């Protein structure tokens, strides 16, 4: 019974994600080429900023560990 509940929850979650992705794809296709390029450029910049912040934090932690030794 418990397993059925857990699996049912997972299925519902997957269905929700799929419908959201489908909606995103439809809205993406309705944009003009220029709008798609702008959105893509913004997303790439956001991802790059996050990656740089993560890398900086990793470097800081590494320095802290290295200095403790």
N, C-alpha and C. Protein backbone atom coordinates (compact mmCIF):
# COMPACT_ATOMS: atom_id res chain seq x y z
N UNK A 1 0.83 -1.19 0.00
CA UNK A 1 0.00 0.00 0.00
C UNK A 1 0.87 1.25 0.00
N UNK A 2 1.87 1.24 0.84
CA UNK A 2 2.78 2.38 0.92
C UNK A 2 3.52 2.56 -0.40
N UNK A 3 3.93 1.46 -0.99
CA UNK A 3 4.65 1.53 -2.25
C UNK A 3 3.78 2.10 -3.37
N UNK A 4 2.52 1.70 -3.37
CA UNK A 4 1.61 2.22 -4.38
C UNK A 4 1.47 3.73 -4.26
N UNK A 5 1.39 4.20 -3.05
CA UNK A 5 1.28 5.64 -2.81
C UNK A 5 2.52 6.38 -3.31
N UNK A 6 3.69 5.83 -3.02
CA UNK A 6 4.93 6.48 -3.44
C UNK A 6 5.07 6.51 -4.95
N UNK A 7 4.76 5.39 -5.59
CA UNK A 7 4.87 5.34 -7.04
C UNK A 7 3.84 6.23 -7.72
N UNK A 8 2.67 6.29 -7.13
CA UNK A 8 1.64 7.14 -7.69
C UNK A 8 2.07 8.60 -7.62
N UNK A 9 2.69 9.00 -6.51
CA UNK A 9 3.18 10.36 -6.36
C UNK A 9 4.22 10.70 -7.41
N UNK A 10 5.14 9.76 -7.65
CA UNK A 10 6.18 9.99 -8.63
C UNK A 10 5.60 10.15 -10.03
N UNK A 11 4.61 9.34 -10.36
CA UNK A 11 3.98 9.43 -11.67
C UNK A 11 3.32 10.78 -11.86
N UNK A 12 2.62 11.24 -10.84
CA UNK A 12 1.95 12.53 -10.92
C UNK A 12 2.97 13.65 -11.12
N UNK A 13 4.07 13.55 -10.43
CA UNK A 13 5.11 14.56 -10.54
C UNK A 13 5.68 14.58 -11.96
N UNK A 14 5.93 13.41 -12.52
CA UNK A 14 6.47 13.32 -13.87
C UNK A 14 5.49 13.91 -14.89
N UNK A 15 4.23 13.60 -14.73
CA UNK A 15 3.24 14.12 -15.65
C UNK A 15 3.18 15.64 -15.60
N UNK A 16 3.28 16.17 -14.41
CA UNK A 16 3.26 17.62 -14.25
C UNK A 16 4.47 18.26 -14.93
N UNK A 17 5.63 17.67 -14.76
CA UNK A 17 6.85 18.19 -15.38
C UNK A 17 6.76 18.12 -16.90
N UNK A 18 6.22 17.02 -17.41
CA UNK A 18 6.10 16.88 -18.86
C UNK A 18 5.17 17.93 -19.43
N UNK A 19 4.06 18.19 -18.77
CA UNK A 19 3.12 19.17 -19.29
C UNK A 19 3.73 20.57 -19.24
N UNK A 20 4.51 20.85 -18.20
CA UNK A 20 5.14 22.16 -18.10
C UNK A 20 6.18 22.32 -19.20
N UNK A 21 6.94 21.26 -19.49
CA UNK A 21 7.93 21.33 -20.55
C UNK A 21 7.26 21.51 -21.91
N UNK A 22 6.14 20.85 -22.09
CA UNK A 22 5.42 20.98 -23.35
C UNK A 22 4.93 22.40 -23.52
N UNK A 23 4.44 22.98 -22.45
CA UNK A 23 3.97 24.36 -22.51
C UNK A 23 5.13 25.29 -22.82
N UNK A 24 6.26 25.07 -22.21
CA UNK A 24 7.43 25.90 -22.47
C UNK A 24 7.85 25.80 -23.93
N UNK A 25 7.79 24.62 -24.48
CA UNK A 25 8.17 24.43 -25.87
C UNK A 25 7.20 25.17 -26.79
N UNK A 26 5.92 25.11 -26.48
CA UNK A 26 4.94 25.80 -27.31
C UNK A 26 5.14 27.31 -27.25
N UNK A 27 5.36 27.82 -26.06
CA UNK A 27 5.57 29.26 -25.94
C UNK A 27 6.87 29.67 -26.61
N UNK A 28 7.88 28.80 -26.54
CA UNK A 28 9.16 29.08 -27.19
C UNK A 28 8.98 29.17 -28.71
N UNK A 29 8.19 28.28 -29.26
CA UNK A 29 8.00 28.27 -30.71
C UNK A 29 7.17 29.46 -31.19
N UNK A 30 6.39 30.03 -30.31
CA UNK A 30 5.59 31.19 -30.68
C UNK A 30 6.39 32.48 -30.71
N UNK A 31 7.59 32.46 -30.16
CA UNK A 31 8.43 33.65 -30.17
C UNK A 31 9.08 33.82 -31.53
N UNK A 32 9.44 35.06 -31.83
CA UNK A 32 10.17 35.31 -33.07
C UNK A 32 11.61 34.86 -32.90
N UNK A 33 12.33 34.80 -33.99
CA UNK A 33 13.72 34.36 -33.93
C UNK A 33 14.54 35.30 -33.05
N UNK A 34 14.33 36.59 -33.19
CA UNK A 34 15.07 37.56 -32.40
C UNK A 34 14.75 37.41 -30.90
N UNK A 35 13.49 37.20 -30.57
CA UNK A 35 13.10 37.02 -29.17
C UNK A 35 13.73 35.76 -28.59
N UNK A 36 13.76 34.69 -29.38
CA UNK A 36 14.39 33.45 -28.92
C UNK A 36 15.87 33.64 -28.65
N UNK A 37 16.55 34.37 -29.54
CA UNK A 37 17.97 34.65 -29.35
C UNK A 37 18.21 35.46 -28.07
N UNK A 38 17.36 36.43 -27.82
CA UNK A 38 17.50 37.26 -26.61
C UNK A 38 17.29 36.44 -25.35
N UNK A 39 16.27 35.61 -25.36
CA UNK A 39 15.99 34.76 -24.19
C UNK A 39 17.14 33.78 -23.97
N UNK A 40 17.62 33.20 -25.02
CA UNK A 40 18.72 32.25 -24.94
C UNK A 40 19.98 32.94 -24.40
N UNK A 41 20.26 34.14 -24.89
CA UNK A 41 21.42 34.90 -24.44
C UNK A 41 21.32 35.21 -22.94
N UNK A 42 20.15 35.61 -22.49
CA UNK A 42 19.95 35.91 -21.06
C UNK A 42 20.15 34.67 -20.20
N UNK A 43 19.60 33.55 -20.65
CA UNK A 43 19.75 32.30 -19.90
C UNK A 43 21.21 31.87 -19.82
N UNK A 44 21.92 31.99 -20.92
CA UNK A 44 23.34 31.63 -20.92
C UNK A 44 24.13 32.50 -19.96
N UNK A 45 23.82 33.80 -19.94
CA UNK A 45 24.51 34.70 -19.02
C UNK A 45 24.22 34.35 -17.56
N UNK A 46 22.99 34.03 -17.26
CA UNK A 46 22.62 33.65 -15.89
C UNK A 46 23.36 32.37 -15.47
N UNK A 47 23.41 31.41 -16.36
CA UNK A 47 24.09 30.15 -16.07
C UNK A 47 25.58 30.40 -15.86
N UNK A 48 26.17 31.23 -16.69
CA UNK A 48 27.59 31.52 -16.56
C UNK A 48 27.90 32.22 -15.25
N UNK A 49 27.06 33.12 -14.84
CA UNK A 49 27.26 33.82 -13.56
C UNK A 49 27.19 32.83 -12.41
N UNK A 50 26.22 31.93 -12.45
CA UNK A 50 26.10 30.91 -11.40
C UNK A 50 27.32 30.00 -11.37
N UNK A 51 27.82 29.61 -12.54
CA UNK A 51 28.99 28.75 -12.60
C UNK A 51 30.21 29.46 -12.02
N UNK A 52 30.37 30.74 -12.34
CA UNK A 52 31.51 31.50 -11.82
C UNK A 52 31.43 31.62 -10.31
N UNK A 53 30.24 31.86 -9.78
CA UNK A 53 30.07 31.96 -8.33
C UNK A 53 30.39 30.63 -7.65
N UNK A 54 29.94 29.56 -8.24
CA UNK A 54 30.22 28.23 -7.69
C UNK A 54 31.72 27.95 -7.71
N UNK A 55 32.35 28.24 -8.81
CA UNK A 55 33.79 28.02 -8.92
C UNK A 55 34.55 28.86 -7.89
N UNK A 56 34.12 30.08 -7.71
CA UNK A 56 34.77 30.95 -6.72
C UNK A 56 34.61 30.40 -5.30
N UNK A 57 33.43 29.92 -4.99
CA UNK A 57 33.20 29.36 -3.66
C UNK A 57 34.03 28.09 -3.44
N UNK A 58 34.15 27.28 -4.49
CA UNK A 58 34.97 26.07 -4.39
C UNK A 58 36.43 26.44 -4.14
N UNK A 59 36.91 27.43 -4.86
CA UNK A 59 38.29 27.87 -4.67
C UNK A 59 38.51 28.40 -3.26
N UNK A 60 37.55 29.18 -2.76
CA UNK A 60 37.67 29.71 -1.40
C UNK A 60 37.72 28.59 -0.37
N UNK A 61 36.85 27.61 -0.53
CA UNK A 61 36.84 26.48 0.40
C UNK A 61 38.15 25.69 0.33
N UNK A 62 38.65 25.53 -0.86
CA UNK A 62 39.91 24.82 -1.02
C UNK A 62 41.04 25.56 -0.32
N UNK A 63 41.06 26.88 -0.47
CA UNK A 63 42.09 27.68 0.21
C UNK A 63 41.97 27.57 1.73
N UNK A 64 40.76 27.56 2.24
CA UNK A 64 40.54 27.42 3.68
C UNK A 64 41.08 26.09 4.16
N UNK A 65 40.77 25.05 3.44
CA UNK A 65 41.24 23.71 3.83
C UNK A 65 42.75 23.65 3.74
N UNK A 66 43.30 24.20 2.70
CA UNK A 66 44.74 24.18 2.52
C UNK A 66 45.46 24.97 3.63
N UNK A 67 44.89 26.08 4.05
CA UNK A 67 45.50 26.91 5.08
C UNK A 67 45.39 26.28 6.47
N UNK A 68 44.39 25.45 6.70
CA UNK A 68 44.22 24.78 7.99
C UNK A 68 45.30 23.74 8.21
N UNK A 69 45.79 23.16 7.15
CA UNK A 69 46.81 22.11 7.26
C UNK A 69 48.09 22.76 7.56
